[in-house]
C-alpha atoms as a PDB file:
ATOM      1  CA  UNK A   1       2.524  31.391 -12.304  1.00  0.00           C
ATOM      2  CA  UNK A   2       3.518  27.794 -11.551  1.00  0.00           C
ATOM      3  CA  UNK A   3       0.642  25.289 -11.515  1.00  0.00           C
ATOM      4  CA  UNK A   4       0.094  23.647  -8.140  1.00  0.00           C
ATOM      5  CA  UNK A   5      -1.343  20.406  -6.853  1.00  0.00           C
ATOM      6  CA  UNK A   6      -2.532  19.467  -3.396  1.00  0.00           C
ATOM      7  CA  UNK A   7      -1.804  16.375  -1.345  1.00  0.00           C
ATOM      8  CA  UNK A   8      -4.618  15.284   0.984  1.00  0.00           C
ATOM      9  CA  UNK A   9      -4.123  13.185   4.117  1.00  0.00           C
ATOM     10  CA  UNK A  10      -6.478  11.435   6.529  1.00  0.00           C
ATOM     11  CA  UNK A  11      -5.493  13.442   9.603  1.00  0.00           C
ATOM     12  CA  UNK A  12      -4.078  16.771  10.656  1.00  0.00           C
ATOM     13  CA  UNK A  13      -1.097  14.942  12.169  1.00  0.00           C
ATOM     14  CA  UNK A  14      -0.212  13.340   8.808  1.00  0.00           C
ATOM     15  CA  UNK A  15      -0.712  16.648   6.998  1.00  0.00           C
ATOM     16  CA  UNK A  16       1.715  18.468   9.309  1.00  0.00           C
ATOM     17  CA  UNK A  17       4.169  15.573   9.152  1.00  0.00           C
ATOM     18  CA  UNK A  18       4.111  15.599   5.334  1.00  0.00           C
ATOM     19  CA  UNK A  19       4.623  19.367   5.272  1.00  0.00           C
ATOM     20  CA  UNK A  20       7.635  19.029   7.577  1.00  0.00           C
ATOM     21  CA  UNK A  21       9.154  16.231   5.445  1.00  0.00           C
ATOM     22  CA  UNK A  22       8.577  18.146   2.190  1.00  0.00           C
ATOM     23  CA  UNK A  23      10.332  21.206   3.626  1.00  0.00           C
ATOM     24  CA  UNK A  24      13.200  19.038   4.907  1.00  0.00           C
ATOM     25  CA  UNK A  25      13.587  17.673   1.371  1.00  0.00           C
ATOM     26  CA  UNK A  26      13.728  21.195  -0.079  1.00  0.00           C
ATOM     27  CA  UNK A  27      10.265  21.060  -1.667  1.00  0.00           C
ATOM     28  CA  UNK A  28       8.448  24.385  -1.443  1.00  0.00           C
ATOM     29  CA  UNK A  29       5.028  23.816   0.092  1.00  0.00           C
ATOM     30  CA  UNK A  30       2.274  25.453   2.070  1.00  0.00           C
ATOM     31  CA  UNK A  31      -0.751  24.402   4.072  1.00  0.00           C
ATOM     32  CA  UNK A  32      -4.092  25.235   2.468  1.00  0.00           C
ATOM     33  CA  UNK A  33      -7.735  24.633   3.271  1.00  0.00           C
ATOM     34  CA  UNK A  34      -8.887  21.393   1.670  1.00  0.00           C
ATOM     35  CA  UNK A  35     -11.472  21.938  -1.092  1.00  0.00           C
ATOM     36  CA  UNK A  36     -14.973  20.903  -0.002  1.00  0.00           C
ATOM     37  CA  UNK A  37     -15.453  18.368  -2.795  1.00  0.00           C
ATOM     38  CA  UNK A  38     -12.528  16.313  -1.470  1.00  0.00           C
ATOM     39  CA  UNK A  39     -13.494  14.063   1.413  1.00  0.00           C
ATOM     40  CA  UNK A  40     -11.197  13.450   4.362  1.00  0.00           C
ATOM     41  CA  UNK A  41     -11.230  13.823   8.134  1.00  0.00           C
ATOM     42  CA  UNK A  42      -8.753  16.695   7.945  1.00  0.00           C
ATOM     43  CA  UNK A  43      -9.624  20.216   6.797  1.00  0.00           C
ATOM     44  CA  UNK A  44      -6.099  20.933   5.561  1.00  0.00           C
ATOM     45  CA  UNK A  45      -3.998  19.889   2.590  1.00  0.00           C
ATOM     46  CA  UNK A  46      -0.437  20.559   1.439  1.00  0.00           C
ATOM     47  CA  UNK A  47       0.055  22.548  -1.778  1.00  0.00           C
ATOM     48  CA  UNK A  48       3.202  22.064  -3.840  1.00  0.00           C
ATOM     49  CA  UNK A  49       4.276  23.025  -7.375  1.00  0.00           C
ATOM     50  CA  UNK A  50       3.064  20.400  -9.837  1.00  0.00           C
ATOM     51  CA  UNK A  51       6.587  19.870 -11.164  1.00  0.00           C
ATOM     52  CA  UNK A  52       7.601  18.595  -7.685  1.00  0.00           C
ATOM     53  CA  UNK A  53       4.794  16.008  -7.491  1.00  0.00           C
ATOM     54  CA  UNK A  54       7.130  13.074  -8.183  1.00  0.00           C
ATOM     55  CA  UNK A  55       9.679  14.256  -5.626  1.00  0.00           C
ATOM     56  CA  UNK A  56       6.932  14.704  -3.035  1.00  0.00           C
ATOM     57  CA  UNK A  57       5.597  11.209  -3.742  1.00  0.00           C
ATOM     58  CA  UNK A  58       9.077   9.798  -3.181  1.00  0.00           C
ATOM     59  CA  UNK A  59       9.337  11.614   0.160  1.00  0.00           C
ATOM     60  CA  UNK A  60       5.990  10.201   1.289  1.00  0.00           C
ATOM     61  CA  UNK A  61       6.994   6.683   0.253  1.00  0.00           C
ATOM     62  CA  UNK A  62      10.376   6.915   1.980  1.00  0.00           C
ATOM     63  CA  UNK A  63       8.811   8.229   5.205  1.00  0.00           C
ATOM     64  CA  UNK A  64       5.823   5.804   5.010  1.00  0.00           C
ATOM     65  CA  UNK A  65       3.270   8.631   5.123  1.00  0.00           C
ATOM     66  CA  UNK A  66      -0.029   7.480   3.574  1.00  0.00           C
ATOM     67  CA  UNK A  67      -1.707   9.938   1.226  1.00  0.00           C
ATOM     68  CA  UNK A  68      -5.422   9.879   0.334  1.00  0.00           C
ATOM     69  CA  UNK A  69      -4.827  11.460  -3.038  1.00  0.00           C
ATOM     70  CA  UNK A  70      -3.385  14.255  -5.125  1.00  0.00           C
ATOM     71  CA  UNK A  71      -5.486  16.870  -6.888  1.00  0.00           C
END
C-alpha cells in the first residue's frame, strides 16, 4: 500500500480547485474528510500518494492556490 498525505485548504472552493488541478496534472487524488485535529474552515482535504507531494506542491504554486498545510 502506498503511503498517502493530505493537503488542507482554507475553503471548500480551494479544495475542489486543487483537486481539479491535481487531476489535470495527472496526479491521482481523492477528496477525504479532514481529520479533526487539523484546523481549517473546510471539512475536506485532498489525499495524494506521498511520492507525488513535490509534484502537487508545484501545481499549487503554479496555479497560485494557497495551502494551509500537508499532513
